[in-house]
C-alpha atoms as a PDB file:
ATOM      1  CA  MET A   1      84.032 186.530  98.843  1.00  0.00           C
ATOM      2  CA  PRO A   2      87.472 188.014  98.108  1.00  0.00           C
ATOM      3  CA  ASP A   3      87.724 185.677  95.126  1.00  0.00           C
ATOM      4  CA  LEU A   4      84.583 187.127  93.494  1.00  0.00           C
ATOM      5  CA  LEU A   5      85.914 190.649  93.946  1.00  0.00           C
ATOM      6  CA  THR A   6      89.265 189.574  92.527  1.00  0.00           C
ATOM      7  CA  HIS A   7      87.600 188.104  89.431  1.00  0.00           C
ATOM      8  CA  VAL A   8      85.542 191.254  88.852  1.00  0.00           C
ATOM      9  CA  LEU A   9      88.552 193.548  89.281  1.00  0.00           C
ATOM     10  CA  VAL A  10      90.731 191.458  86.963  1.00  0.00           C
ATOM     11  CA  GLY A  11      87.913 191.406  84.390  1.00  0.00           C
ATOM     12  CA  TYR A  12      87.628 195.184  84.696  1.00  0.00           C
ATOM     13  CA  SER A  13      91.377 195.600  84.230  1.00  0.00           C
ATOM     14  CA  ILE A  14      91.456 193.389  81.156  1.00  0.00           C
ATOM     15  CA  GLY A  15      88.376 195.049  79.662  1.00  0.00           C
ATOM     16  CA  THR A  16      89.712 198.534  80.322  1.00  0.00           C
ATOM     17  CA  LEU A  17      93.064 197.744  78.744  1.00  0.00           C
ATOM     18  CA  LEU A  18      91.224 196.304  75.738  1.00  0.00           C
ATOM     19  CA  ALA A  19      89.251 199.562  75.567  1.00  0.00           C
ATOM     20  CA  VAL A  20      92.522 201.501  75.465  1.00  0.00           C
ATOM     21  CA  ARG A  21      93.808 199.345  72.619  1.00  0.00           C
ATOM     22  CA  TYR A  22      90.616 198.888  70.579  1.00  0.00           C
ATOM     23  CA  GLU A  23      88.264 201.736  69.737  1.00  0.00           C
ATOM     24  CA  ARG A  24      85.223 199.440  69.480  1.00  0.00           C
ATOM     25  CA  VAL A  25      85.529 198.405  73.123  1.00  0.00           C
ATOM     26  CA  ARG A  26      83.747 200.892  75.386  1.00  0.00           C
ATOM     27  CA  ALA A  27      82.158 200.763  78.836  1.00  0.00           C
ATOM     28  CA  PRO A  28      79.385 198.252  77.955  1.00  0.00           C
ATOM     29  CA  GLN A  29      81.960 195.906  76.471  1.00  0.00           C
ATOM     30  CA  VAL A  30      84.146 196.220  79.578  1.00  0.00           C
ATOM     31  CA  THR A  31      81.097 195.048  81.513  1.00  0.00           C
ATOM     32  CA  LEU A  32      80.907 191.981  79.268  1.00  0.00           C
ATOM     33  CA  VAL A  33      84.453 191.030  80.237  1.00  0.00           C
ATOM     34  CA  MET A  34      83.515 191.455  83.907  1.00  0.00           C
ATOM     35  CA  VAL A  35      80.414 189.265  83.520  1.00  0.00           C
ATOM     36  CA  GLY A  36      82.525 186.684  81.710  1.00  0.00           C
ATOM     37  CA  ALA A  37      84.988 186.748  84.594  1.00  0.00           C
ATOM     38  CA  LEU A  38      82.126 185.908  86.952  1.00  0.00           C
ATOM     39  CA  SER A  39      80.461 183.317  84.728  1.00  0.00           C
ATOM     40  CA  PRO A  40      82.279 180.204  86.027  1.00  0.00           C
ATOM     41  CA  ASP A  41      81.029 181.084  89.500  1.00  0.00           C
ATOM     42  CA  PHE A  42      77.419 180.883  88.299  1.00  0.00           C
ATOM     43  CA  ARG A  43      77.632 177.417  89.845  1.00  0.00           C
ATOM     44  CA  LYS A  44      77.114 179.175  93.172  1.00  0.00           C
ATOM     45  CA  ILE A  45      73.499 179.682  92.118  1.00  0.00           C
ATOM     46  CA  ALA A  46      72.560 176.395  93.811  1.00  0.00           C
ATOM     47  CA  PRO A  47      71.179 177.998  97.001  1.00  0.00           C
ATOM     48  CA  VAL A  48      69.025 180.348  94.913  1.00  0.00           C
ATOM     49  CA  ILE A  49      67.652 177.836  92.402  1.00  0.00           C
ATOM     50  CA  PRO A  50      67.104 174.454  94.054  1.00  0.00           C
ATOM     51  CA  THR A  51      67.664 171.443  91.842  1.00  0.00           C
ATOM     52  CA  GLY A  52      64.660 169.461  93.149  1.00  0.00           C
ATOM     53  CA  PRO A  53      62.036 170.880  90.756  1.00  0.00           C
ATOM     54  CA  LEU A  54      64.471 170.729  87.841  1.00  0.00           C
ATOM     55  CA  GLU A  55      65.230 167.103  88.596  1.00  0.00           C
ATOM     56  CA  LEU A  56      61.514 166.320  88.488  1.00  0.00           C
ATOM     57  CA  VAL A  57      61.220 167.967  85.075  1.00  0.00           C
ATOM     58  CA  THR A  58      64.336 166.385  83.564  1.00  0.00           C
ATOM     59  CA  GLY A  59      63.989 163.026  85.276  1.00  0.00           C
ATOM     60  CA  GLY A  60      67.641 162.979  86.281  1.00  0.00           C
ATOM     61  CA  PRO A  61      70.069 164.543  88.705  1.00  0.00           C
ATOM     62  CA  ILE A  62      71.098 168.180  88.213  1.00  0.00           C
ATOM     63  CA  SER A  63      74.418 169.674  89.294  1.00  0.00           C
ATOM     64  CA  TRP A  64      75.615 173.247  88.844  1.00  0.00           C
ATOM     65  CA  THR A  65      79.271 172.262  89.378  1.00  0.00           C
ATOM     66  CA  PRO A  66      80.075 171.693  85.656  1.00  0.00           C
ATOM     67  CA  LEU A  67      79.461 175.405  85.066  1.00  0.00           C
ATOM     68  CA  HIS A  68      82.896 175.937  86.631  1.00  0.00           C
ATOM     69  CA  THR A  69      84.684 174.103  83.807  1.00  0.00           C
ATOM     70  CA  LEU A  70      85.649 174.906  80.232  1.00  0.00           C
ATOM     71  CA  GLY A  71      82.503 173.211  78.907  1.00  0.00           C
ATOM     72  CA  GLY A  72      80.308 175.132  81.331  1.00  0.00           C
ATOM     73  CA  SER A  73      81.971 178.403  80.404  1.00  0.00           C
ATOM     74  CA  VAL A  74      81.430 177.744  76.706  1.00  0.00           C
ATOM     75  CA  LEU A  75      77.771 176.985  77.411  1.00  0.00           C
ATOM     76  CA  VAL A  76      77.277 180.155  79.474  1.00  0.00           C
ATOM     77  CA  VAL A  77      79.113 182.313  76.910  1.00  0.00           C
ATOM     78  CA  LEU A  78      77.050 180.974  74.015  1.00  0.00           C
ATOM     79  CA  LEU A  79      73.752 181.248  75.876  1.00  0.00           C
ATOM     80  CA  GLY A  80      74.680 184.742  77.041  1.00  0.00           C
ATOM     81  CA  SER A  81      75.365 185.804  73.464  1.00  0.00           C
ATOM     82  CA  LEU A  82      71.736 185.060  72.645  1.00  0.00           C
ATOM     83  CA  LEU A  83      70.725 187.910  74.957  1.00  0.00           C
ATOM     84  CA  VAL A  84      72.186 190.572  72.654  1.00  0.00           C
ATOM     85  CA  ALA A  85      71.316 191.718  69.138  1.00  0.00           C
ATOM     86  CA  PRO A  86      72.756 189.557  66.338  1.00  0.00           C
ATOM     87  CA  ASP A  87      75.142 192.327  65.262  1.00  0.00           C
ATOM     88  CA  TYR A  88      76.864 192.206  68.668  1.00  0.00           C
ATOM     89  CA  ARG A  89      77.016 188.448  69.217  1.00  0.00           C
ATOM     90  CA  ARG A  90      80.529 187.838  67.968  1.00  0.00           C
ATOM     91  CA  GLN A  91      81.918 190.645  70.123  1.00  0.00           C
ATOM     92  CA  THR A  92      79.904 189.412  73.111  1.00  0.00           C
ATOM     93  CA  ILE A  93      81.234 185.879  72.711  1.00  0.00           C
ATOM     94  CA  VAL A  94      84.850 187.032  72.456  1.00  0.00           C
ATOM     95  CA  LEU A  95      84.713 189.431  75.402  1.00  0.00           C
ATOM     96  CA  THR A  96      82.838 187.130  77.775  1.00  0.00           C
ATOM     97  CA  ALA A  97      85.153 184.266  76.799  1.00  0.00           C
ATOM     98  CA  ILE A  98      88.178 186.440  77.646  1.00  0.00           C
ATOM     99  CA  GLY A  99      86.647 187.143  81.043  1.00  0.00           C
ATOM    100  CA  ALA A 100      85.865 183.463  81.658  1.00  0.00           C
ATOM    101  CA  ALA A 101      89.401 182.497  80.630  1.00  0.00           C
ATOM    102  CA  SER A 102      90.822 184.970  83.141  1.00  0.00           C
ATOM    103  CA  HIS A 103      88.655 183.365  85.836  1.00  0.00           C
ATOM    104  CA  HIS A 104      89.963 179.898  85.027  1.00  0.00           C
ATOM    105  CA  VAL A 105      93.592 181.093  84.960  1.00  0.00           C
ATOM    106  CA  LEU A 106      93.173 182.612  88.424  1.00  0.00           C
ATOM    107  CA  ASP A 107      91.388 179.552  89.812  1.00  0.00           C
ATOM    108  CA  VAL A 108      94.007 177.127  88.509  1.00  0.00           C
ATOM    109  CA  ALA A 109      96.539 179.022  90.650  1.00  0.00           C
ATOM    110  CA  LEU A 110      94.584 178.348  93.874  1.00  0.00           C
ATOM    111  CA  PHE A 111      96.254 176.453  96.697  1.00  0.00           C
ATOM    112  CA  THR A 112      94.951 172.873  96.885  1.00  0.00           C
ATOM    113  CA  ALA A 113      95.647 170.025  99.262  1.00  0.00           C
ATOM    114  CA  THR A 114      96.477 167.652  96.411  1.00  0.00           C
ATOM    115  CA  GLY A 115      98.669 170.060  94.463  1.00  0.00           C
ATOM    116  CA  ASP A 116      96.420 169.645  91.428  1.00  0.00           C
ATOM    117  CA  ALA A 117      93.878 172.157  90.146  1.00  0.00           C
ATOM    118  CA  TYR A 118      90.307 171.217  89.301  1.00  0.00           C
ATOM    119  CA  ALA A 119      89.415 169.482  86.023  1.00  0.00           C
ATOM    120  CA  VAL A 120      89.270 172.776  84.150  1.00  0.00           C
ATOM    121  CA  PHE A 121      89.118 171.144  80.689  1.00  0.00           C
ATOM    122  CA  PHE A 122      86.042 169.025  81.431  1.00  0.00           C
ATOM    123  CA  PRO A 123      84.249 167.621  79.333  1.00  0.00           C
ATOM    124  CA  ILE A 124      87.157 167.452  76.880  1.00  0.00           C
ATOM    125  CA  SER A 125      89.508 165.939  79.425  1.00  0.00           C
ATOM    126  CA  ALA A 126      89.478 164.992  83.099  1.00  0.00           C
ATOM    127  CA  TYR A 127      93.118 166.065  83.380  1.00  0.00           C
ATOM    128  CA  ARG A 128      93.830 168.120  86.480  1.00  0.00           C
ATOM    129  CA  PRO A 129      96.787 170.420  85.781  1.00  0.00           C
ATOM    130  CA  PRO A 130      99.293 170.975  88.560  1.00  0.00           C
ATOM    131  CA  SER A 131      98.487 174.019  90.644  1.00  0.00           C
ATOM    132  CA  PRO A 132     101.204 176.540  91.475  1.00  0.00           C
ATOM    133  CA  ASP A 133      99.480 176.899  94.877  1.00  0.00           C
ATOM    134  CA  LEU A 134      99.767 180.696  94.926  1.00  0.00           C
ATOM    135  CA  TYR A 135      96.859 181.622  97.190  1.00  0.00           C
ATOM    136  CA  LEU A 136      93.658 180.506  98.902  1.00  0.00           C
ATOM    137  CA  SER A 137      90.260 181.682  97.706  1.00  0.00           C
ATOM    138  CA  THR A 138      89.795 183.337 101.104  1.00  0.00           C
ATOM    139  CA  ASP A 139      93.035 185.346 100.910  1.00  0.00           C
ATOM    140  CA  ARG A 140      92.550 189.081 100.671  1.00  0.00           C
ATOM    141  CA  TRP A 141      95.857 190.006  99.059  1.00  0.00           C
ATOM    142  CA  PRO A 142      94.850 188.883  95.531  1.00  0.00           C
ATOM    143  CA  ALA A 143      91.884 191.278  95.717  1.00  0.00           C
ATOM    144  CA  ALA A 144      94.229 194.059  96.823  1.00  0.00           C
ATOM    145  CA  VAL A 145      96.604 193.357  93.922  1.00  0.00           C
ATOM    146  CA  ALA A 146      93.657 193.204  91.507  1.00  0.00           C
ATOM    147  CA  GLY A 147      92.410 196.503  92.956  1.00  0.00           C
ATOM    148  CA  VAL A 148      95.754 198.166  92.273  1.00  0.00           C
ATOM    149  CA  LEU A 149      95.684 196.769  88.717  1.00  0.00           C
ATOM    150  CA  ALA A 150      92.131 198.067  88.258  1.00  0.00           C
ATOM    151  CA  ILE A 151      93.102 201.539  89.477  1.00  0.00           C
ATOM    152  CA  GLY A 152      96.117 201.504  87.174  1.00  0.00           C
ATOM    153  CA  SER A 153      94.087 200.458  84.142  1.00  0.00           C
ATOM    154  CA  TRP A 154      91.430 203.051  85.014  1.00  0.00           C
ATOM    155  CA  ALA A 155      94.129 205.735  85.170  1.00  0.00           C
ATOM    156  CA  VAL A 156      95.572 204.659  81.828  1.00  0.00           C
ATOM    157  CA  ARG A 157      92.157 204.992  80.233  1.00  0.00           C
ATOM    158  CA  ARG A 158      91.047 208.096  82.113  1.00  0.00           C
ATOM    159  CA  TYR A 159      94.160 210.159  81.583  1.00  0.00           C
ATOM    160  CA  ASP A 160      95.033 208.636  78.200  1.00  0.00           C
ATOM    161  CA  ILE A 161      98.687 208.201  79.037  1.00  0.00           C
ATOM    162  CA  THR A 162      99.049 205.893  76.033  1.00  0.00           C
ATOM    163  CA  GLU A 163      99.916 208.913  73.868  1.00  0.00           C
ATOM    164  CA  ALA A 164     103.189 209.195  75.763  1.00  0.00           C
ATOM    165  CA  LEU A 165     103.934 205.478  75.406  1.00  0.00           C
ATOM    166  CA  PRO A 166     105.663 204.246  72.260  1.00  0.00           C
ATOM    167  CA  ILE A 167     103.326 201.633  70.793  1.00  0.00           C
ATOM    168  CA  SER A 168     104.375 200.066  67.519  1.00  0.00           C
ATOM    169  CA  GLU A 169     101.670 198.892  65.192  1.00  0.00           C
END
């Protein structure tokens, strides 16, 4: 489970840094980025929701695996936006999509036996981009690095050190 923790911590870091930059992004919106960062892993719901009854209803096979692709992320982001008030939908879509994109970027960097990542662009393309083979999903060091980034982004927001930084607008 280090990969899930890594995705949550990276989502938190991105959301927190967005909150520093944009006044409209506050704690609930940071949570949206974190949920978006987890959304491709909703495919791991298979043990909780068996496909048998769904296959009887739909009359065809069901697989949760496509949720871990670009098409699945778009579907989850759009369906998730329906859970909020209409005034917040655009912001919800953008923030959860940023989180999902961060998840895919991290997962493309996973070490694979073939040297190619998964078909991240499915259903648009079956192309499997080359993987830089940086780490395994079971490695703990990416979670540690993400934890340091999360602490750093928390400190930036908490102590508002951005006033001392020259930021040109």
